[in-house]
């Protein structure tokens, strides 16, 4: 019997400061975006760059750490799983988004402030991530 694998690892720069909210049950959830760029030379020698944007969601303790220590423009390593979320807006329009549910985050690059010296790597407890129910999303 084989199992599937849903694991994503990215290194990029934050596109905006993290935003933290709380579920109705009081559980913290933080969202932010990360830009990942790649560059290559075309056969004619022209340099080409492409950027992909990823939406990240972190829960519980990791959510609080991301909110307190990450800032727009900062380089970060994020590890987690892809998840698809579907919802209906007030006008009845259906929406779908694919995001990374983070379970590990590591700050990279230059440290802008001495508070970053205190925390380098953070891993959320796996049962925190797997116990998230759709009705707990505050957005």
Protein backbone atom coordinates (compact mmCIF):
# COMPACT_ATOMS: atom_id res chain seq x y z
CA UNK A 1 0.00 0.00 0.00
CA UNK A 2 1.42 3.38 -0.95
CA UNK A 3 0.70 6.79 0.50
CA UNK A 4 0.58 10.10 -1.29
CA UNK A 5 2.89 13.01 -0.63
CA UNK A 6 1.87 16.65 -0.38
CA UNK A 7 4.95 18.68 0.53
CA UNK A 8 6.03 22.11 -0.66
CA UNK A 9 9.29 23.92 0.11
CA UNK A 10 9.87 27.48 -1.10
CA UNK A 11 12.44 30.22 -0.56
CA UNK A 12 11.38 33.73 -1.47
CA UNK A 13 10.64 37.24 -0.26
CA UNK A 14 7.54 38.42 1.58
CA UNK A 15 5.30 40.54 -0.62
CA UNK A 16 3.49 42.14 2.32
CA UNK A 17 3.57 42.19 6.10
CA UNK A 18 1.79 39.19 7.65
CA UNK A 19 -1.82 39.69 8.73
CA UNK A 20 -3.10 37.85 11.80
CA UNK A 21 -6.73 37.08 12.59
CA UNK A 22 -8.47 34.80 15.05
CA UNK A 23 -11.01 32.07 14.39
CA UNK A 24 -14.32 32.22 16.30
CA UNK A 25 -12.79 29.70 18.72
CA UNK A 26 -9.84 32.07 19.37
CA UNK A 27 -7.20 30.24 17.36
CA UNK A 28 -4.65 32.54 15.64
CA UNK A 29 -4.16 32.32 11.87
CA UNK A 30 -1.66 34.42 9.92
CA UNK A 31 -1.56 34.93 6.16
CA UNK A 32 1.12 36.43 3.94
CA UNK A 33 2.43 36.14 0.38
CA UNK A 34 5.86 35.03 -0.81
CA UNK A 35 7.40 35.82 -4.21
CA UNK A 36 9.74 33.21 -5.71
CA UNK A 37 11.74 34.26 -8.77
CA UNK A 38 13.76 32.25 -11.25
CA UNK A 39 16.00 33.49 -14.04
CA UNK A 40 17.44 31.91 -17.17
CA UNK A 41 19.11 32.86 -20.42
CA UNK A 42 17.18 32.37 -23.64
CA UNK A 43 18.99 30.75 -26.59
CA UNK A 44 19.61 34.24 -28.04
CA UNK A 45 21.39 35.23 -24.79
CA UNK A 46 18.60 37.43 -23.45
CA UNK A 47 18.09 37.16 -19.68
CA UNK A 48 14.55 36.28 -18.62
CA UNK A 49 13.05 36.38 -15.10
CA UNK A 50 9.75 34.94 -13.91
CA UNK A 51 8.11 35.39 -10.50
CA UNK A 52 5.51 33.13 -8.89
CA UNK A 53 3.45 34.31 -5.93
CA UNK A 54 2.36 31.94 -3.17
CA UNK A 55 -0.24 32.59 -0.47
CA UNK A 56 0.83 31.19 2.90
CA UNK A 57 -1.36 30.39 5.91
CA UNK A 58 0.09 29.57 9.34
CA UNK A 59 -1.84 28.45 12.40
CA UNK A 60 -1.49 28.63 16.20
CA UNK A 61 2.03 29.19 17.56
CA UNK A 62 3.59 29.42 14.08
CA UNK A 63 0.98 32.07 13.18
CA UNK A 64 2.04 34.23 16.12
CA UNK A 65 5.75 33.80 15.32
CA UNK A 66 5.22 34.77 11.66
CA UNK A 67 3.25 37.87 12.66
CA UNK A 68 5.85 38.97 15.21
CA UNK A 69 9.06 38.31 13.27
CA UNK A 70 8.37 38.59 9.53
CA UNK A 71 8.24 41.78 7.48
CA UNK A 72 7.62 42.75 3.87
CA UNK A 73 10.71 42.13 1.70
CA UNK A 74 12.32 39.66 4.11
CA UNK A 75 13.68 36.40 2.69
CA UNK A 76 12.08 33.30 4.17
CA UNK A 77 12.00 29.51 3.81
CA UNK A 78 8.52 28.02 4.13
CA UNK A 79 7.66 24.34 4.23
CA UNK A 80 4.16 22.92 4.27
CA UNK A 81 1.45 21.38 2.14
CA UNK A 82 -0.75 22.62 -0.67
CA UNK A 83 -4.40 23.01 0.18
CA UNK A 84 -7.38 24.13 -1.86
CA UNK A 85 -10.00 26.29 -0.20
CA UNK A 86 -13.43 27.05 -1.66
CA UNK A 87 -15.98 29.60 -0.47
CA UNK A 88 -18.97 31.57 -1.60
CA UNK A 89 -19.09 35.38 -1.30
CA UNK A 90 -22.07 37.46 -0.16
CA UNK A 91 -23.31 37.80 -3.76
CA UNK A 92 -23.24 34.02 -4.25
CA UNK A 93 -20.05 33.99 -6.34
CA UNK A 94 -17.95 30.88 -5.93
CA UNK A 95 -14.21 31.25 -5.32
CA UNK A 96 -11.28 28.85 -5.10
CA UNK A 97 -7.76 29.46 -3.90
CA UNK A 98 -4.69 27.27 -3.57
CA UNK A 99 -2.39 28.10 -0.69
CA UNK A 100 0.45 26.65 1.33
CA UNK A 101 -0.48 25.53 4.84
CA UNK A 102 2.86 26.17 6.56
CA UNK A 103 4.22 23.83 9.21
CA UNK A 104 7.79 25.16 9.21
CA UNK A 105 9.31 28.60 8.67
CA UNK A 106 12.91 29.79 8.72
CA UNK A 107 14.01 33.40 8.41
CA UNK A 108 16.83 33.85 5.90
CA UNK A 109 18.99 36.69 4.62
CA UNK A 110 20.12 39.75 6.54
CA UNK A 111 18.71 40.33 9.96
CA UNK A 112 17.15 43.76 10.10
CA UNK A 113 16.60 43.85 13.82
CA UNK A 114 18.11 42.23 16.88
CA UNK A 115 14.81 40.51 17.78
CA UNK A 116 15.41 38.19 14.85
CA UNK A 117 18.44 36.78 16.71
CA UNK A 118 16.11 35.16 19.21
CA UNK A 119 14.26 32.89 16.77
CA UNK A 120 15.67 31.23 13.65
CA UNK A 121 13.52 28.21 12.93
CA UNK A 122 9.99 27.32 13.95
CA UNK A 123 7.95 24.19 13.41
CA UNK A 124 4.25 23.90 14.14
CA UNK A 125 2.93 20.76 15.74
CA UNK A 126 1.57 18.47 13.07
CA UNK A 127 -1.70 17.86 14.90
CA UNK A 128 -2.33 21.63 14.95
CA UNK A 129 -2.19 21.75 11.15
CA UNK A 130 -4.17 18.57 10.47
CA UNK A 131 -7.02 19.45 12.84
CA UNK A 132 -8.01 22.61 10.95
CA UNK A 133 -11.60 22.53 9.83
CA UNK A 134 -13.05 24.57 6.97
CA UNK A 135 -15.39 26.46 9.27
CA UNK A 136 -12.40 27.79 11.24
CA UNK A 137 -11.21 30.02 8.39
CA UNK A 138 -11.92 33.63 9.43
CA UNK A 139 -11.85 34.91 5.81
